[in-house]
Amino acid sequence: MHHEQHVTSSETIRDIVIGMSDGLTVPFALAAGLSGAVSSSGLVVTAGIAEIVAGSIAMGLGGFLAGRTEADHYRSELQREYNEVERVPEQEKAEVKEVFAGFGLSENLQTQIAEEMAKDKDKWVDFMMRYELGLEEPHPNRATKSAITIGISYIVGGIIPLSPYFFVRDAHTALYYSCIITLICLFIFGYFKSKMTGQPAFSGALKVVVIGTLAAGAAFLMARLINGK
């Protein structure tokens, strides 16, 4: 039971990271690009909100489809394993023995375990799914939960770079505040993301900041170039 909670938690954190990562970067780049072309914060806010809504739906739908694909793949492999223990039980027993051979168990003990396991088809198949294929049964609501988590995380991330434009009428001035706020948030986000994934925290945070800066800078310069400014 504890193991399943751990897996669910990890998947939720992964979804938050996916949503926040794009949510911070894409609207930031859009706002920067628009700020290079227009002077009204109102236009940036309108376009930014439209992008956040569209982006959150697209990202959430992507998460939902990924979750459904994962569930469909699991069911397909589960059915295949049930068919194999019916058609070629000796081959499946040999595969069980191979797993335990990897743990250093004696051949006699491998055989005993394989024969004992074969008495319960459901547990036998569950063992093969976990240790032969490395597959865990997805939570029934995994796809929906993933879609909601990614979508909300994208919205939260997207509001951060857009927030100064709600209070500052001049888009160019608002961009300065947006850069400061967003880069700080990108650093914090990158730091904790790297800590959770076991990567060097400081260098990981800098990488996230650099990516966000490059995206926003490219969008801003392109907008200025197109407008001949």
C-alpha atoms as a PDB file:
ATOM      1  CA  MET A   1       0.000   0.000   0.000  1.00  0.00           C
ATOM      2  CA  HIS A   2       2.840   2.375   0.831  1.00  0.00           C
ATOM      3  CA  HIS A   3       4.491   1.538  -2.506  1.00  0.00           C
ATOM      4  CA  GLU A   4       1.373   2.473  -4.470  1.00  0.00           C
ATOM      5  CA  GLN A   5       1.102   5.816  -2.665  1.00  0.00           C
ATOM      6  CA  HIS A   6       4.709   6.518  -3.541  1.00  0.00           C
ATOM      7  CA  VAL A   7       4.088   5.833  -7.226  1.00  0.00           C
ATOM      8  CA  THR A   8       0.990   8.032  -7.295  1.00  0.00           C
ATOM      9  CA  SER A   9       2.871  10.843  -5.588  1.00  0.00           C
ATOM     10  CA  SER A  10       5.711  10.587  -8.103  1.00  0.00           C
ATOM     11  CA  GLU A  11       3.299  10.714 -11.023  1.00  0.00           C
ATOM     12  CA  THR A  12       1.543  13.762  -9.579  1.00  0.00           C
ATOM     13  CA  ILE A  13       4.850  15.556  -9.088  1.00  0.00           C
ATOM     14  CA  ARG A  14       5.818  14.706 -12.669  1.00  0.00           C
ATOM     15  CA  ASP A  15       2.548  16.190 -13.945  1.00  0.00           C
ATOM     16  CA  ILE A  16       3.066  19.364 -11.907  1.00  0.00           C
ATOM     17  CA  VAL A  17       6.580  19.705 -13.313  1.00  0.00           C
ATOM     18  CA  ILE A  18       5.319  19.254 -16.884  1.00  0.00           C
ATOM     19  CA  GLY A  19       2.546  21.826 -16.471  1.00  0.00           C
ATOM     20  CA  MET A  20       4.596  24.396 -14.540  1.00  0.00           C
ATOM     21  CA  SER A  21       7.585  24.116 -16.870  1.00  0.00           C
ATOM     22  CA  ASP A  22       5.610  24.996 -19.997  1.00  0.00           C
ATOM     23  CA  GLY A  23       3.312  27.351 -18.103  1.00  0.00           C
ATOM     24  CA  LEU A  24       6.197  29.510 -16.952  1.00  0.00           C
ATOM     25  CA  THR A  25       8.096  29.454 -20.251  1.00  0.00           C
ATOM     26  CA  VAL A  26       5.531  29.727 -23.071  1.00  0.00           C
ATOM     27  CA  PRO A  27       3.376  32.632 -21.759  1.00  0.00           C
ATOM     28  CA  PHE A  28       6.599  34.388 -20.677  1.00  0.00           C
ATOM     29  CA  ALA A  29       7.954  34.165 -24.226  1.00  0.00           C
ATOM     30  CA  LEU A  30       4.590  35.273 -25.649  1.00  0.00           C
ATOM     31  CA  ALA A  31       4.351  38.272 -23.319  1.00  0.00           C
ATOM     32  CA  ALA A  32       7.930  39.269 -24.112  1.00  0.00           C
ATOM     33  CA  GLY A  33       7.293  38.993 -27.825  1.00  0.00           C
ATOM     34  CA  LEU A  34       4.127  41.065 -27.675  1.00  0.00           C
ATOM     35  CA  SER A  35       5.863  43.644 -25.500  1.00  0.00           C
ATOM     36  CA  GLY A  36       8.348  44.124 -28.299  1.00  0.00           C
ATOM     37  CA  ALA A  37       5.543  44.880 -30.739  1.00  0.00           C
ATOM     38  CA  VAL A  38       2.908  46.793 -28.750  1.00  0.00           C
ATOM     39  CA  SER A  39       2.906  49.318 -25.920  1.00  0.00           C
ATOM     40  CA  SER A  40      -0.468  48.455 -24.363  1.00  0.00           C
ATOM     41  CA  SER A  41      -0.492  45.961 -21.512  1.00  0.00           C
ATOM     42  CA  GLY A  42      -4.154  45.289 -22.243  1.00  0.00           C
ATOM     43  CA  LEU A  43      -3.299  43.602 -25.517  1.00  0.00           C
ATOM     44  CA  VAL A  44      -0.648  41.477 -23.828  1.00  0.00           C
ATOM     45  CA  VAL A  45      -3.102  40.439 -21.113  1.00  0.00           C
ATOM     46  CA  THR A  46      -5.786  39.507 -23.650  1.00  0.00           C
ATOM     47  CA  ALA A  47      -3.429  37.456 -25.781  1.00  0.00           C
ATOM     48  CA  GLY A  48      -1.751  35.969 -22.720  1.00  0.00           C
ATOM     49  CA  ILE A  49      -4.997  34.799 -21.147  1.00  0.00           C
ATOM     50  CA  ALA A  50      -6.114  33.309 -24.465  1.00  0.00           C
ATOM     51  CA  GLU A  51      -2.804  31.429 -24.711  1.00  0.00           C
ATOM     52  CA  ILE A  52      -3.007  30.190 -21.123  1.00  0.00           C
ATOM     53  CA  VAL A  53      -6.535  28.871 -21.665  1.00  0.00           C
ATOM     54  CA  ALA A  54      -5.614  27.188 -24.953  1.00  0.00           C
ATOM     55  CA  GLY A  55      -2.298  25.914 -23.597  1.00  0.00           C
ATOM     56  CA  SER A  56      -3.797  24.445 -20.433  1.00  0.00           C
ATOM     57  CA  ILE A  57      -6.467  22.621 -22.446  1.00  0.00           C
ATOM     58  CA  ALA A  58      -3.903  21.305 -24.938  1.00  0.00           C
ATOM     59  CA  MET A  59      -1.491  20.217 -22.207  1.00  0.00           C
ATOM     60  CA  GLY A  60      -4.267  18.660 -20.149  1.00  0.00           C
ATOM     61  CA  LEU A  61      -5.588  16.782 -23.154  1.00  0.00           C
ATOM     62  CA  GLY A  62      -2.075  15.556 -23.888  1.00  0.00           C
ATOM     63  CA  GLY A  63      -1.779  14.274 -20.322  1.00  0.00           C
ATOM     64  CA  PHE A  64      -5.188  12.591 -20.577  1.00  0.00           C
ATOM     65  CA  LEU A  65      -4.289  10.821 -23.825  1.00  0.00           C
ATOM     66  CA  ALA A  66      -0.934   9.738 -22.400  1.00  0.00           C
ATOM     67  CA  GLY A  67      -2.707   8.288 -19.355  1.00  0.00           C
ATOM     68  CA  ARG A  68      -5.227   6.447 -21.524  1.00  0.00           C
ATOM     69  CA  THR A  69      -2.451   5.075 -23.722  1.00  0.00           C
ATOM     70  CA  GLU A  70      -0.619   3.825 -20.646  1.00  0.00           C
ATOM     71  CA  ALA A  71      -3.769   2.093 -19.376  1.00  0.00           C
ATOM     72  CA  ASP A  72      -4.520   0.558 -22.785  1.00  0.00           C
ATOM     73  CA  HIS A  73      -0.948  -0.717 -23.060  1.00  0.00           C
ATOM     74  CA  TYR A  74      -1.157  -2.290 -19.611  1.00  0.00           C
ATOM     75  CA  ARG A  75      -4.430  -4.056 -20.425  1.00  0.00           C
ATOM     76  CA  SER A  76      -3.032  -5.323 -23.724  1.00  0.00           C
ATOM     77  CA  GLU A  77       0.093  -6.743 -22.057  1.00  0.00           C
ATOM     78  CA  LEU A  78      -2.006  -8.208 -19.229  1.00  0.00           C
ATOM     79  CA  GLN A  79      -4.147 -10.118 -21.705  1.00  0.00           C
ATOM     80  CA  ARG A  80      -1.053 -11.314 -23.524  1.00  0.00           C
ATOM     81  CA  GLU A  81       0.447 -12.647 -20.285  1.00  0.00           C
ATOM     82  CA  TYR A  82      -2.762 -14.520 -19.417  1.00  0.00           C
ATOM     83  CA  ASN A  83      -2.712 -16.089 -22.876  1.00  0.00           C
ATOM     84  CA  GLU A  84       0.925 -17.123 -22.497  1.00  0.00           C
ATOM     85  CA  VAL A  85       0.493 -18.809 -19.109  1.00  0.00           C
ATOM     86  CA  GLU A  86      -2.340 -20.802 -20.703  1.00  0.00           C
ATOM     87  CA  ARG A  87      -0.531 -21.715 -23.941  1.00  0.00           C
ATOM     88  CA  VAL A  88       3.125 -21.995 -22.896  1.00  0.00           C
ATOM     89  CA  PRO A  89       3.203 -22.442 -19.097  1.00  0.00           C
ATOM     90  CA  GLU A  90       6.620 -24.107 -19.075  1.00  0.00           C
ATOM     91  CA  GLN A  91       8.162 -21.190 -20.929  1.00  0.00           C
ATOM     92  CA  GLU A  92       6.603 -18.764 -18.471  1.00  0.00           C
ATOM     93  CA  LYS A  93       7.941 -20.831 -15.550  1.00  0.00           C
ATOM     94  CA  ALA A  94      11.382 -20.629 -17.118  1.00  0.00           C
ATOM     95  CA  GLU A  95      11.042 -16.853 -17.255  1.00  0.00           C
ATOM     96  CA  VAL A  96      10.125 -16.800 -13.553  1.00  0.00           C
ATOM     97  CA  LYS A  97      13.258 -18.838 -12.825  1.00  0.00           C
ATOM     98  CA  GLU A  98      15.341 -16.368 -14.834  1.00  0.00           C
ATOM     99  CA  VAL A  99      14.102 -13.529 -12.652  1.00  0.00           C
ATOM    100  CA  PHE A 100      15.100 -15.296  -9.451  1.00  0.00           C
ATOM    101  CA  ALA A 101      18.369 -16.471 -10.963  1.00  0.00           C
ATOM    102  CA  GLY A 102      19.206 -12.804 -11.230  1.00  0.00           C
ATOM    103  CA  PHE A 103      18.798 -12.579  -7.441  1.00  0.00           C
ATOM    104  CA  GLY A 104      21.336 -15.373  -6.988  1.00  0.00           C
ATOM    105  CA  LEU A 105      18.918 -18.081  -5.854  1.00  0.00           C
ATOM    106  CA  SER A 106      19.833 -21.738  -6.397  1.00  0.00           C
ATOM    107  CA  GLU A 107      18.283 -23.600  -9.323  1.00  0.00           C
ATOM    108  CA  ASN A 108      16.385 -25.899  -6.961  1.00  0.00           C
ATOM    109  CA  LEU A 109      14.830 -22.939  -5.157  1.00  0.00           C
ATOM    110  CA  GLN A 110      14.035 -21.263  -8.473  1.00  0.00           C
ATOM    111  CA  THR A 111      12.086 -24.339  -9.547  1.00  0.00           C
ATOM    112  CA  GLN A 112      10.187 -24.541  -6.247  1.00  0.00           C
ATOM    113  CA  ILE A 113       9.174 -20.893  -6.452  1.00  0.00           C
ATOM    114  CA  ALA A 114       8.104 -21.194 -10.108  1.00  0.00           C
ATOM    115  CA  GLU A 115       5.969 -24.274  -9.386  1.00  0.00           C
ATOM    116  CA  GLU A 116       4.383 -22.665  -6.327  1.00  0.00           C
ATOM    117  CA  MET A 117       3.652 -19.457  -8.194  1.00  0.00           C
ATOM    118  CA  ALA A 118       2.026 -21.344 -11.074  1.00  0.00           C
ATOM    119  CA  LYS A 119      -0.708 -22.543  -8.688  1.00  0.00           C
ATOM    120  CA  ASP A 120      -2.264 -19.044  -8.617  1.00  0.00           C
ATOM    121  CA  LYS A 121      -2.665 -17.735 -12.155  1.00  0.00           C
ATOM    122  CA  ASP A 122      -3.550 -14.176 -11.122  1.00  0.00           C
ATOM    123  CA  LYS A 123      -0.504 -13.771  -8.884  1.00  0.00           C
ATOM    124  CA  TRP A 124       1.630 -15.463 -11.507  1.00  0.00           C
ATOM    125  CA  VAL A 125       0.561 -13.009 -14.181  1.00  0.00           C
ATOM    126  CA  ASP A 126       0.928 -10.083 -11.783  1.00  0.00           C
ATOM    127  CA  PHE A 127       4.494 -11.171 -11.050  1.00  0.00           C
ATOM    128  CA  MET A 128       5.319 -11.382 -14.761  1.00  0.00           C
ATOM    129  CA  MET A 129       3.836  -7.948 -15.396  1.00  0.00           C
ATOM    130  CA  ARG A 130       5.923  -6.387 -12.649  1.00  0.00           C
ATOM    131  CA  TYR A 131       9.234  -8.189 -12.949  1.00  0.00           C
ATOM    132  CA  GLU A 132       9.407  -9.330 -16.568  1.00  0.00           C
ATOM    133  CA  LEU A 133       7.798  -6.294 -18.216  1.00  0.00           C
ATOM    134  CA  GLY A 134       8.312  -3.712 -15.478  1.00  0.00           C
ATOM    135  CA  LEU A 135       4.663  -2.574 -15.646  1.00  0.00           C
ATOM    136  CA  GLU A 136       2.500  -1.373 -12.771  1.00  0.00           C
ATOM    137  CA  GLU A 137      -1.269  -1.221 -13.096  1.00  0.00           C
ATOM    138  CA  PRO A 138      -2.259   2.430 -13.610  1.00  0.00           C
ATOM    139  CA  HIS A 139      -4.791   3.965 -11.247  1.00  0.00           C
ATOM    140  CA  PRO A 140      -8.299   3.892 -12.812  1.00  0.00           C
ATOM    141  CA  ASN A 141      -8.536   7.694 -12.657  1.00  0.00           C
ATOM    142  CA  ARG A 142      -4.916   8.285 -13.671  1.00  0.00           C
ATOM    143  CA  ALA A 143      -5.707   9.873 -17.069  1.00  0.00           C
ATOM    144  CA  THR A 144      -8.283  12.317 -15.682  1.00  0.00           C
ATOM    145  CA  LYS A 145      -6.141  13.230 -12.677  1.00  0.00           C
ATOM    146  CA  SER A 146      -3.136  13.778 -14.926  1.00  0.00           C
ATOM    147  CA  ALA A 147      -5.116  16.064 -17.251  1.00  0.00           C
ATOM    148  CA  ILE A 148      -6.427  18.189 -14.367  1.00  0.00           C
ATOM    149  CA  THR A 149      -3.039  18.413 -12.627  1.00  0.00           C
ATOM    150  CA  ILE A 150      -1.150  19.402 -15.777  1.00  0.00           C
ATOM    151  CA  GLY A 151      -3.832  21.891 -16.831  1.00  0.00           C
ATOM    152  CA  ILE A 152      -3.998  23.640 -13.448  1.00  0.00           C
ATOM    153  CA  SER A 153      -0.196  23.695 -13.146  1.00  0.00           C
ATOM    154  CA  TYR A 154       0.024  25.306 -16.581  1.00  0.00           C
ATOM    155  CA  ILE A 155      -2.473  28.007 -15.563  1.00  0.00           C
ATOM    156  CA  VAL A 156      -0.623  28.730 -12.306  1.00  0.00           C
ATOM    157  CA  GLY A 157       2.698  28.897 -14.139  1.00  0.00           C
ATOM    158  CA  GLY A 158       1.261  31.074 -16.911  1.00  0.00           C
ATOM    159  CA  ILE A 159      -0.258  33.655 -14.578  1.00  0.00           C
ATOM    160  CA  ILE A 160       3.154  34.434 -13.039  1.00  0.00           C
ATOM    161  CA  PRO A 161       4.814  36.121 -16.074  1.00  0.00           C
ATOM    162  CA  LEU A 162       1.513  37.748 -17.018  1.00  0.00           C
ATOM    163  CA  SER A 163       0.749  39.211 -13.577  1.00  0.00           C
ATOM    164  CA  PRO A 164       2.669  42.533 -13.924  1.00  0.00           C
ATOM    165  CA  TYR A 165       0.655  43.392 -17.029  1.00  0.00           C
ATOM    166  CA  PHE A 166      -2.508  43.502 -14.912  1.00  0.00           C
ATOM    167  CA  PHE A 167      -1.113  46.387 -12.852  1.00  0.00           C
ATOM    168  CA  VAL A 168       1.248  48.248 -15.202  1.00  0.00           C
ATOM    169  CA  ARG A 169      -0.326  49.884 -18.270  1.00  0.00           C
ATOM    170  CA  ASP A 170       2.868  50.261 -20.297  1.00  0.00           C
ATOM    171  CA  ALA A 171       3.869  46.891 -21.769  1.00  0.00           C
ATOM    172  CA  HIS A 172       7.583  47.705 -21.873  1.00  0.00           C
ATOM    173  CA  THR A 173       7.657  48.611 -18.190  1.00  0.00           C
ATOM    174  CA  ALA A 174       5.557  45.585 -17.298  1.00  0.00           C
ATOM    175  CA  LEU A 175       8.031  43.380 -19.172  1.00  0.00           C
ATOM    176  CA  TYR A 176      10.846  44.424 -16.815  1.00  0.00           C
ATOM    177  CA  TYR A 177       8.812  43.360 -13.792  1.00  0.00           C
ATOM    178  CA  SER A 178       7.713  40.210 -15.571  1.00  0.00           C
ATOM    179  CA  CYS A 179      11.330  39.277 -16.284  1.00  0.00           C
ATOM    180  CA  ILE A 180      12.346  39.742 -12.653  1.00  0.00           C
ATOM    181  CA  ILE A 181       9.399  37.791 -11.236  1.00  0.00           C
ATOM    182  CA  THR A 182       9.508  35.012 -13.820  1.00  0.00           C
ATOM    183  CA  LEU A 183      13.267  34.456 -13.688  1.00  0.00           C
ATOM    184  CA  ILE A 184      13.129  34.196  -9.901  1.00  0.00           C
ATOM    185  CA  CYS A 185      10.273  31.686 -10.169  1.00  0.00           C
ATOM    186  CA  LEU A 186      12.104  29.750 -12.894  1.00  0.00           C
ATOM    187  CA  PHE A 187      15.167  29.520 -10.673  1.00  0.00           C
ATOM    188  CA  ILE A 188      13.129  28.300  -7.687  1.00  0.00           C
ATOM    189  CA  PHE A 189      11.200  25.876  -9.884  1.00  0.00           C
ATOM    190  CA  GLY A 190      14.392  24.578 -11.514  1.00  0.00           C
ATOM    191  CA  TYR A 191      16.062  24.192  -8.125  1.00  0.00           C
ATOM    192  CA  PHE A 192      13.323  22.028  -6.613  1.00  0.00           C
ATOM    193  CA  LYS A 193      12.821  20.128  -9.868  1.00  0.00           C
ATOM    194  CA  SER A 194      16.513  19.202  -9.890  1.00  0.00           C
ATOM    195  CA  LYS A 195      16.421  18.240  -6.205  1.00  0.00           C
ATOM    196  CA  MET A 196      13.472  15.911  -6.806  1.00  0.00           C
ATOM    197  CA  THR A 197      15.135  14.251  -9.798  1.00  0.00           C
ATOM    198  CA  GLY A 198      18.490  13.837  -8.069  1.00  0.00           C
ATOM    199  CA  GLN A 199      20.326  16.342 -10.291  1.00  0.00           C
ATOM    200  CA  PRO A 200      22.686  19.102  -9.120  1.00  0.00           C
ATOM    201  CA  ALA A 201      20.195  21.680  -7.834  1.00  0.00           C
ATOM    202  CA  PHE A 202      22.022  24.917  -8.606  1.00  0.00           C
ATOM    203  CA  SER A 203      23.142  24.006 -12.127  1.00  0.00           C
ATOM    204  CA  GLY A 204      19.696  22.572 -12.858  1.00  0.00           C
ATOM    205  CA  ALA A 205      18.082  25.824 -11.760  1.00  0.00           C
ATOM    206  CA  LEU A 206      20.423  27.834 -13.972  1.00  0.00           C
ATOM    207  CA  LYS A 207      19.568  25.664 -16.976  1.00  0.00           C
ATOM    208  CA  VAL A 208      15.849  26.342 -16.501  1.00  0.00           C
ATOM    209  CA  VAL A 209      16.518  30.070 -16.189  1.00  0.00           C
ATOM    210  CA  VAL A 210      18.675  30.088 -19.329  1.00  0.00           C
ATOM    211  CA  ILE A 211      16.018  28.251 -21.348  1.00  0.00           C
ATOM    212  CA  GLY A 212      13.304  30.673 -20.231  1.00  0.00           C
ATOM    213  CA  THR A 213      15.529  33.676 -20.933  1.00  0.00           C
ATOM    214  CA  LEU A 214      16.456  32.475 -24.406  1.00  0.00           C
ATOM    215  CA  ALA A 215      12.818  31.781 -25.317  1.00  0.00           C
ATOM    216  CA  ALA A 216      11.620  35.187 -24.113  1.00  0.00           C
ATOM    217  CA  GLY A 217      14.603  37.014 -25.599  1.00  0.00           C
ATOM    218  CA  ALA A 218      14.155  35.376 -29.000  1.00  0.00           C
ATOM    219  CA  ALA A 219      10.441  36.230 -29.041  1.00  0.00           C
ATOM    220  CA  PHE A 220      11.103  39.843 -28.033  1.00  0.00           C
ATOM    221  CA  LEU A 221      13.846  40.380 -30.621  1.00  0.00           C
ATOM    222  CA  MET A 222      11.816  38.751 -33.373  1.00  0.00           C
ATOM    223  CA  ALA A 223       8.849  41.017 -32.637  1.00  0.00           C
ATOM    224  CA  ARG A 224      11.076  44.106 -32.683  1.00  0.00           C
ATOM    225  CA  LEU A 225      12.699  42.949 -35.934  1.00  0.00           C
ATOM    226  CA  ILE A 226       9.364  42.370 -37.658  1.00  0.00           C
ATOM    227  CA  ASN A 227       8.143  45.791 -36.557  1.00  0.00           C
ATOM    228  CA  GLY A 228      11.396  47.412 -37.697  1.00  0.00           C
ATOM    229  CA  LYS A 229      12.208  48.814 -34.261  1.00  0.00           C
END
